[in-house]
N, C-alpha and C. Protein backbone atom coordinates (compact mmCIF):
# COMPACT_ATOMS: atom_id res chain seq x y z
N UNK A 1 152.94 190.68 179.61
CA UNK A 1 152.50 191.52 180.63
C UNK A 1 151.13 192.31 181.12
N UNK A 2 150.90 192.03 181.94
CA UNK A 2 149.48 192.92 182.17
C UNK A 2 149.39 194.03 182.25
N UNK A 3 148.41 194.53 181.77
CA UNK A 3 148.58 196.36 181.80
C UNK A 3 147.41 196.50 183.32
N UNK A 4 147.73 197.55 183.13
CA UNK A 4 147.14 198.26 185.20
C UNK A 4 146.16 199.09 185.01
N UNK A 5 145.60 198.99 183.40
CA UNK A 5 144.50 199.92 182.85
C UNK A 5 143.21 199.02 182.70
N UNK A 6 142.24 198.97 183.50
CA UNK A 6 140.79 198.22 182.92
C UNK A 6 139.87 198.68 181.93
N UNK A 7 139.72 198.04 181.42
CA UNK A 7 138.73 198.27 180.05
C UNK A 7 137.29 198.10 180.86
N UNK A 8 136.30 198.53 180.20
CA UNK A 8 135.32 198.63 180.55
C UNK A 8 134.50 197.56 179.46
N UNK A 9 133.86 196.65 179.63
CA UNK A 9 133.57 195.71 178.81
C UNK A 9 131.97 195.27 178.74
N UNK A 10 131.59 196.18 179.40
CA UNK A 10 129.78 196.39 179.59
C UNK A 10 129.20 197.68 180.23
N UNK A 11 128.56 198.25 179.57
CA UNK A 11 127.81 199.50 180.52
C UNK A 11 127.83 198.88 181.95
N UNK A 12 127.84 200.09 182.75
CA UNK A 12 127.12 200.06 184.41
C UNK A 12 126.54 201.08 184.62
N UNK A 13 125.70 200.52 185.09
CA UNK A 13 124.48 201.37 185.83
C UNK A 13 124.62 201.42 187.61
N UNK A 14 124.09 202.39 188.02
CA UNK A 14 124.29 202.74 189.35
C UNK A 14 123.24 202.11 189.82
N UNK A 15 123.70 201.10 190.86
CA UNK A 15 122.24 200.47 191.85
C UNK A 15 122.34 200.74 193.16
N UNK A 16 121.88 201.85 193.51
CA UNK A 16 122.62 202.10 195.31
C UNK A 16 123.66 202.83 195.32
N UNK A 17 124.76 202.02 196.31
CA UNK A 17 125.85 202.90 196.26
C UNK A 17 126.69 202.00 195.44
N UNK A 18 126.89 200.80 194.62
CA UNK A 18 127.32 200.22 193.89
C UNK A 18 126.75 200.50 192.23
N UNK A 19 128.10 199.85 191.70
CA UNK A 19 128.04 199.51 190.21
C UNK A 19 127.72 198.48 189.37
N UNK A 20 126.74 198.26 188.68
CA UNK A 20 126.59 197.25 188.20
C UNK A 20 126.40 196.69 186.53
N UNK A 21 126.80 195.75 185.95
CA UNK A 21 126.57 195.71 184.79
C UNK A 21 124.98 195.91 184.07
N UNK A 22 125.31 196.12 183.09
CA UNK A 22 123.65 196.49 182.71
C UNK A 22 123.74 196.36 180.95
N UNK A 23 122.55 196.10 180.43
CA UNK A 23 122.53 196.11 179.40
C UNK A 23 122.37 197.07 178.48
N UNK A 24 123.04 197.45 177.16
CA UNK A 24 122.99 198.57 176.33
C UNK A 24 121.71 199.51 176.48
N UNK A 25 120.76 199.03 176.32
CA UNK A 25 119.10 199.73 176.09
C UNK A 25 118.66 200.13 177.80
N UNK A 26 119.11 199.58 178.46
CA UNK A 26 119.30 199.94 180.10
C UNK A 26 120.06 200.96 180.08
N UNK A 27 121.24 201.04 180.20
CA UNK A 27 121.93 201.97 180.40
C UNK A 27 121.58 203.34 179.78
N UNK A 28 121.39 203.17 178.12
CA UNK A 28 120.89 204.05 177.73
C UNK A 28 119.88 205.10 177.86
N UNK A 29 118.38 203.82 178.23
CA UNK A 29 117.43 204.29 179.19
C UNK A 29 117.92 205.45 180.23
N UNK A 30 118.70 204.97 181.17
CA UNK A 30 119.04 205.52 181.99
C UNK A 30 119.75 207.25 181.81
N UNK A 31 120.33 207.24 180.84
CA UNK A 31 121.12 208.57 180.29
C UNK A 31 120.31 208.97 180.30
N UNK A 32 119.32 208.83 178.96
CA UNK A 32 118.15 209.51 178.85
C UNK A 32 117.19 210.23 180.06
N UNK A 33 117.00 208.97 181.07
CA UNK A 33 116.06 209.15 181.95
C UNK A 33 116.66 210.94 182.71
N UNK A 34 117.93 210.51 183.22
CA UNK A 34 118.60 211.86 183.49
C UNK A 34 118.86 212.89 182.86
N UNK A 35 119.16 212.89 181.75
CA UNK A 35 118.68 214.30 180.38
C UNK A 35 117.56 214.73 180.68
N UNK A 36 116.92 213.94 180.82
CA UNK A 36 115.24 214.60 180.48
C UNK A 36 114.70 215.13 181.91
N UNK A 37 115.36 214.54 183.04
CA UNK A 37 115.02 215.21 184.33
C UNK A 37 115.54 216.45 184.52
N UNK A 38 117.25 216.72 183.84
CA UNK A 38 117.84 217.84 183.98
C UNK A 38 117.05 219.04 182.84
N UNK A 39 116.47 218.87 182.43
CA UNK A 39 116.02 219.50 181.45
C UNK A 39 114.70 220.01 181.98
N UNK A 40 113.90 219.24 182.29
CA UNK A 40 112.61 219.58 182.87
C UNK A 40 113.06 220.07 184.37
N UNK A 41 113.77 220.10 185.18
CA UNK A 41 114.52 220.88 186.19
C UNK A 41 115.01 222.03 185.68
N UNK A 42 114.69 222.94 184.91
CA UNK A 42 115.15 224.09 184.43
C UNK A 42 116.81 223.91 184.16
N UNK A 43 117.25 223.35 182.86
CA UNK A 43 118.63 222.97 182.26
C UNK A 43 119.37 224.11 182.76
N UNK A 44 118.90 225.58 182.91
CA UNK A 44 120.00 226.41 183.16
C UNK A 44 120.40 226.36 183.82
N UNK A 45 119.80 226.02 184.99
CA UNK A 45 120.53 225.64 186.35
C UNK A 45 121.16 224.44 186.89
N UNK A 46 121.00 223.40 186.02
CA UNK A 46 120.83 222.14 186.48
C UNK A 46 121.56 221.02 185.68
N UNK A 47 121.87 221.70 184.11
CA UNK A 47 122.89 221.31 183.12
C UNK A 47 124.13 222.00 182.35
N UNK A 48 125.09 221.41 182.18
CA UNK A 48 126.49 222.22 181.91
C UNK A 48 126.76 221.23 181.08
N UNK A 49 127.82 221.37 179.97
CA UNK A 49 128.43 220.85 179.20
C UNK A 49 129.96 221.17 178.83
N UNK A 50 130.96 220.46 179.29
CA UNK A 50 132.45 220.98 179.41
C UNK A 50 132.82 219.90 178.16
N UNK A 51 133.27 220.53 177.12
CA UNK A 51 134.51 220.28 176.19
C UNK A 51 135.55 220.14 175.64
N UNK A 52 136.37 219.37 174.97
CA UNK A 52 137.64 219.80 175.74
C UNK A 52 138.32 220.99 174.23
N UNK A 53 139.39 221.65 174.28
CA UNK A 53 139.53 222.45 173.60
C UNK A 53 140.63 221.76 172.73
N UNK A 54 141.23 220.68 172.78
CA UNK A 54 141.67 219.46 172.09
C UNK A 54 141.37 218.80 170.91
N UNK A 55 139.95 219.39 171.46
CA UNK A 55 138.87 218.19 170.39
C UNK A 55 138.38 218.82 169.07
N UNK A 56 138.36 218.49 168.31
CA UNK A 56 137.75 219.38 166.71
C UNK A 56 136.83 220.53 166.84
N UNK A 57 136.71 221.59 165.75
CA UNK A 57 135.76 222.59 165.59
C UNK A 57 134.09 221.90 165.64
N UNK A 58 134.41 221.10 164.90
CA UNK A 58 132.86 220.24 165.00
C UNK A 58 132.65 219.34 165.92
N UNK A 59 133.48 218.64 166.50
CA UNK A 59 133.03 218.15 167.98
C UNK A 59 132.63 219.21 169.33
N UNK A 60 133.54 220.44 169.08
CA UNK A 60 132.99 221.18 170.11
C UNK A 60 131.67 222.00 169.81
N UNK A 61 131.21 222.52 168.28
CA UNK A 61 130.14 222.88 167.72
C UNK A 61 129.29 222.06 168.17
N UNK A 62 129.17 220.40 167.89
CA UNK A 62 127.87 219.79 168.44
C UNK A 62 127.80 219.72 169.62
N UNK A 63 129.13 219.75 170.40
CA UNK A 63 128.51 220.24 171.90
C UNK A 63 127.65 220.69 172.22
N UNK A 64 128.41 222.41 172.00
CA UNK A 64 127.50 223.08 172.13
C UNK A 64 126.04 223.22 172.10
N UNK A 65 126.30 223.13 170.44
CA UNK A 65 124.50 222.63 170.03
C UNK A 65 123.54 221.78 170.56
N UNK A 66 123.95 220.19 171.20
CA UNK A 66 123.28 219.80 172.31
C UNK A 66 122.93 220.82 173.23
N UNK A 67 123.61 221.02 173.81
CA UNK A 67 123.31 222.02 175.04
C UNK A 67 122.34 222.92 174.71
N UNK A 68 122.50 223.91 173.92
CA UNK A 68 121.40 224.91 173.53
C UNK A 68 120.27 224.76 173.08
N UNK A 69 120.28 223.79 171.78
CA UNK A 69 118.95 223.43 171.33
C UNK A 69 118.32 221.79 172.37
N UNK A 70 119.48 220.97 172.45
CA UNK A 70 118.28 219.76 173.10
C UNK A 70 118.47 220.18 174.47
N UNK A 71 118.94 220.54 175.24
CA UNK A 71 119.00 220.93 176.61
C UNK A 71 118.49 222.58 176.97
N UNK A 72 118.76 222.90 176.32
CA UNK A 72 117.98 224.59 176.75
C UNK A 72 118.76 225.32 177.82
N UNK A 73 120.35 224.95 177.56
CA UNK A 73 121.03 225.30 178.56
C UNK A 73 122.04 226.02 177.70
N UNK A 74 122.50 227.52 178.07
CA UNK A 74 123.64 227.93 177.57
C UNK A 74 125.20 227.70 178.56
N UNK A 75 125.46 226.87 179.32
CA UNK A 75 126.31 226.66 180.44
C UNK A 75 127.33 225.90 179.43
N UNK A 76 127.87 226.40 178.59
CA UNK A 76 128.67 225.72 177.78
C UNK A 76 130.16 225.70 178.17
N UNK A 77 131.17 225.38 178.19
CA UNK A 77 132.48 225.47 178.36
C UNK A 77 133.42 224.53 177.90
N UNK A 78 134.46 225.03 176.90
CA UNK A 78 135.27 224.40 176.25
C UNK A 78 136.83 224.63 176.14
N UNK A 79 136.84 225.47 177.50
CA UNK A 79 137.87 225.66 177.43
C UNK A 79 139.35 226.03 176.35
N UNK A 80 138.72 227.05 175.98
CA UNK A 80 139.33 227.50 174.79
C UNK A 80 140.18 228.97 175.07
N UNK A 81 139.99 229.01 176.27
CA UNK A 81 140.70 230.33 177.10
C UNK A 81 142.17 230.25 177.18
N UNK A 82 142.67 229.08 176.58
CA UNK A 82 144.50 228.95 177.06
C UNK A 82 144.86 228.77 176.05
């Protein structure tokens, strides 16, 4: 039986209006560039972190630590209100 869900077998990067296969080095460099740009443009207004309330406390801690220390943004939500 063929699965209706597709798995990614390689990283994808946006090239204009389409996604194309890329190497891991290119994909990580692209992601790093976007994060660096967000931090440079005042991360308090250009970056936010969403984490999951079903994740472990450790995972949510790392997510908020990354947002606050690395990105310089207090915009963190883990939907723990519910």
